[in-house]
Amino acid sequence: MYELKNHTETVVQQTLQNYLRNNVLNCSCERCQADIMALALNRLPARYYVSSRGEIMTQLESQALPDQTRIITELVRAAQQVSATPSHPINQP
């Protein structure tokens, strides 16, 4: 049986982890990370594949600078939005 995968989702998840290592948000809990990914993925085109060959072709296509720039732009926009208005209360010290 073939498994359908979205390359954009994988790249956004990896990019988010790198972003969180270098940037501080009001909250970076699992819920906020999921919200960030959902917002970014809704603004980006999906790139599905079902085979190893399809995965390789999709990876090559997505390495173009415009694709990388768009992913980072949408991810930062989503992170700023979620950080400004998280979907849950923030515990203040």
C-alpha atoms as a PDB file:
ATOM      1  CA  MET A   1       0.000   0.000   0.000  1.00  0.00           C
ATOM      2  CA  TYR A   2       1.231   3.479  -0.858  1.00  0.00           C
ATOM      3  CA  GLU A   3       1.514   6.213   1.720  1.00  0.00           C
ATOM      4  CA  LEU A   4       0.656   9.743   0.633  1.00  0.00           C
ATOM      5  CA  LYS A   5       3.004  12.351   2.120  1.00  0.00           C
ATOM      6  CA  ASN A   6       3.099  16.143   1.945  1.00  0.00           C
ATOM      7  CA  HIS A   7       6.675  17.371   1.522  1.00  0.00           C
ATOM      8  CA  THR A   8       5.681  20.914   2.471  1.00  0.00           C
ATOM      9  CA  GLU A   9       4.512  19.698   5.884  1.00  0.00           C
ATOM     10  CA  THR A  10       7.864  18.018   6.532  1.00  0.00           C
ATOM     11  CA  VAL A  11       9.823  21.119   5.518  1.00  0.00           C
ATOM     12  CA  VAL A  12       7.612  23.447   7.584  1.00  0.00           C
ATOM     13  CA  GLN A  13       8.031  21.234  10.645  1.00  0.00           C
ATOM     14  CA  GLN A  14      11.845  21.172  10.274  1.00  0.00           C
ATOM     15  CA  THR A  15      11.975  24.913   9.620  1.00  0.00           C
ATOM     16  CA  LEU A  16       9.792  25.600  12.674  1.00  0.00           C
ATOM     17  CA  GLN A  17      12.158  23.612  14.916  1.00  0.00           C
ATOM     18  CA  ASN A  18      15.134  25.641  13.606  1.00  0.00           C
ATOM     19  CA  TYR A  19      13.170  28.869  14.068  1.00  0.00           C
ATOM     20  CA  LEU A  20      12.294  28.019  17.685  1.00  0.00           C
ATOM     21  CA  ARG A  21      15.956  27.295  18.505  1.00  0.00           C
ATOM     22  CA  ASN A  22      16.885  30.831  17.467  1.00  0.00           C
ATOM     23  CA  ASN A  23      13.803  32.861  18.438  1.00  0.00           C
ATOM     24  CA  VAL A  24      11.777  33.351  21.594  1.00  0.00           C
ATOM     25  CA  LEU A  25       7.982  33.296  21.429  1.00  0.00           C
ATOM     26  CA  ASN A  26       5.443  34.027  24.171  1.00  0.00           C
ATOM     27  CA  CYS A  27       4.738  30.289  24.131  1.00  0.00           C
ATOM     28  CA  SER A  28       6.169  27.396  22.153  1.00  0.00           C
ATOM     29  CA  CYS A  29       4.070  24.562  23.570  1.00  0.00           C
ATOM     30  CA  GLU A  30       2.862  21.744  21.302  1.00  0.00           C
ATOM     31  CA  ARG A  31      -0.485  23.500  20.773  1.00  0.00           C
ATOM     32  CA  CYS A  32       1.167  26.751  19.678  1.00  0.00           C
ATOM     33  CA  GLN A  33       3.557  24.857  17.392  1.00  0.00           C
ATOM     34  CA  ALA A  34       0.591  23.059  15.810  1.00  0.00           C
ATOM     35  CA  ASP A  35      -1.211  26.385  15.368  1.00  0.00           C
ATOM     36  CA  ILE A  36       1.869  27.902  13.710  1.00  0.00           C
ATOM     37  CA  MET A  37       2.198  24.940  11.357  1.00  0.00           C
ATOM     38  CA  ALA A  38      -1.509  25.004  10.475  1.00  0.00           C
ATOM     39  CA  LEU A  39      -1.459  28.720   9.664  1.00  0.00           C
ATOM     40  CA  ALA A  40       1.709  28.428   7.568  1.00  0.00           C
ATOM     41  CA  LEU A  41       0.563  25.281   5.733  1.00  0.00           C
ATOM     42  CA  ASN A  42      -2.775  26.863   4.843  1.00  0.00           C
ATOM     43  CA  ARG A  43      -0.856  29.629   3.034  1.00  0.00           C
ATOM     44  CA  LEU A  44       1.605  27.339   1.232  1.00  0.00           C
ATOM     45  CA  PRO A  45       1.075  24.986  -1.699  1.00  0.00           C
ATOM     46  CA  ALA A  46       1.028  21.297  -0.832  1.00  0.00           C
ATOM     47  CA  ARG A  47       3.598  19.054  -2.523  1.00  0.00           C
ATOM     48  CA  TYR A  48       2.431  15.466  -2.269  1.00  0.00           C
ATOM     49  CA  TYR A  49       4.350  12.338  -3.258  1.00  0.00           C
ATOM     50  CA  VAL A  50       3.809   8.596  -2.918  1.00  0.00           C
ATOM     51  CA  SER A  51       7.097   7.061  -4.057  1.00  0.00           C
ATOM     52  CA  SER A  52      10.819   7.390  -3.385  1.00  0.00           C
ATOM     53  CA  ARG A  53      11.289   8.867  -6.828  1.00  0.00           C
ATOM     54  CA  GLY A  54       8.497  11.371  -6.176  1.00  0.00           C
ATOM     55  CA  GLU A  55      10.090  12.303  -2.858  1.00  0.00           C
ATOM     56  CA  ILE A  56      13.467  12.959  -4.504  1.00  0.00           C
ATOM     57  CA  MET A  57      11.908  15.032  -7.297  1.00  0.00           C
ATOM     58  CA  THR A  58       9.849  17.028  -4.796  1.00  0.00           C
ATOM     59  CA  GLN A  59      12.909  17.673  -2.611  1.00  0.00           C
ATOM     60  CA  LEU A  60      14.899  18.916  -5.596  1.00  0.00           C
ATOM     61  CA  GLU A  61      12.101  21.224  -6.705  1.00  0.00           C
ATOM     62  CA  SER A  62      11.628  22.646  -3.203  1.00  0.00           C
ATOM     63  CA  GLN A  63      15.291  23.591  -2.818  1.00  0.00           C
ATOM     64  CA  ALA A  64      14.804  26.582  -5.084  1.00  0.00           C
ATOM     65  CA  LEU A  65      15.385  29.857  -3.235  1.00  0.00           C
ATOM     66  CA  PRO A  66      11.863  31.246  -3.913  1.00  0.00           C
ATOM     67  CA  ASP A  67      10.306  28.148  -2.293  1.00  0.00           C
ATOM     68  CA  GLN A  68      12.569  28.341   0.744  1.00  0.00           C
ATOM     69  CA  THR A  69      11.955  32.070   1.113  1.00  0.00           C
ATOM     70  CA  ARG A  70       8.198  31.636   0.908  1.00  0.00           C
ATOM     71  CA  ILE A  71       8.213  28.887   3.539  1.00  0.00           C
ATOM     72  CA  ILE A  72      10.287  30.972   5.955  1.00  0.00           C
ATOM     73  CA  THR A  73       8.140  34.057   5.325  1.00  0.00           C
ATOM     74  CA  GLU A  74       4.877  32.227   6.014  1.00  0.00           C
ATOM     75  CA  LEU A  75       6.322  30.466   9.042  1.00  0.00           C
ATOM     76  CA  VAL A  76       7.560  33.712  10.607  1.00  0.00           C
ATOM     77  CA  ARG A  77       4.218  35.398   9.886  1.00  0.00           C
ATOM     78  CA  ALA A  78       2.346  32.502  11.529  1.00  0.00           C
ATOM     79  CA  ALA A  79       4.713  32.432  14.525  1.00  0.00           C
ATOM     80  CA  GLN A  80       4.234  36.156  15.096  1.00  0.00           C
ATOM     81  CA  GLN A  81       0.466  35.795  14.873  1.00  0.00           C
ATOM     82  CA  VAL A  82       0.300  32.851  17.297  1.00  0.00           C
ATOM     83  CA  SER A  83       2.765  34.487  19.680  1.00  0.00           C
ATOM     84  CA  ALA A  84       0.676  37.671  19.727  1.00  0.00           C
ATOM     85  CA  THR A  85      -2.642  35.860  20.193  1.00  0.00           C
ATOM     86  CA  PRO A  86      -2.167  32.280  21.415  1.00  0.00           C
ATOM     87  CA  SER A  87      -5.240  30.043  21.458  1.00  0.00           C
ATOM     88  CA  HIS A  88      -4.818  29.470  25.202  1.00  0.00           C
ATOM     89  CA  PRO A  89      -4.086  31.671  28.229  1.00  0.00           C
ATOM     90  CA  ILE A  90      -0.428  32.377  28.925  1.00  0.00           C
ATOM     91  CA  ASN A  91       0.634  31.765  32.521  1.00  0.00           C
ATOM     92  CA  GLN A  92       2.340  34.875  33.827  1.00  0.00           C
ATOM     93  CA  PRO A  93       4.972  34.486  36.598  1.00  0.00           C
END
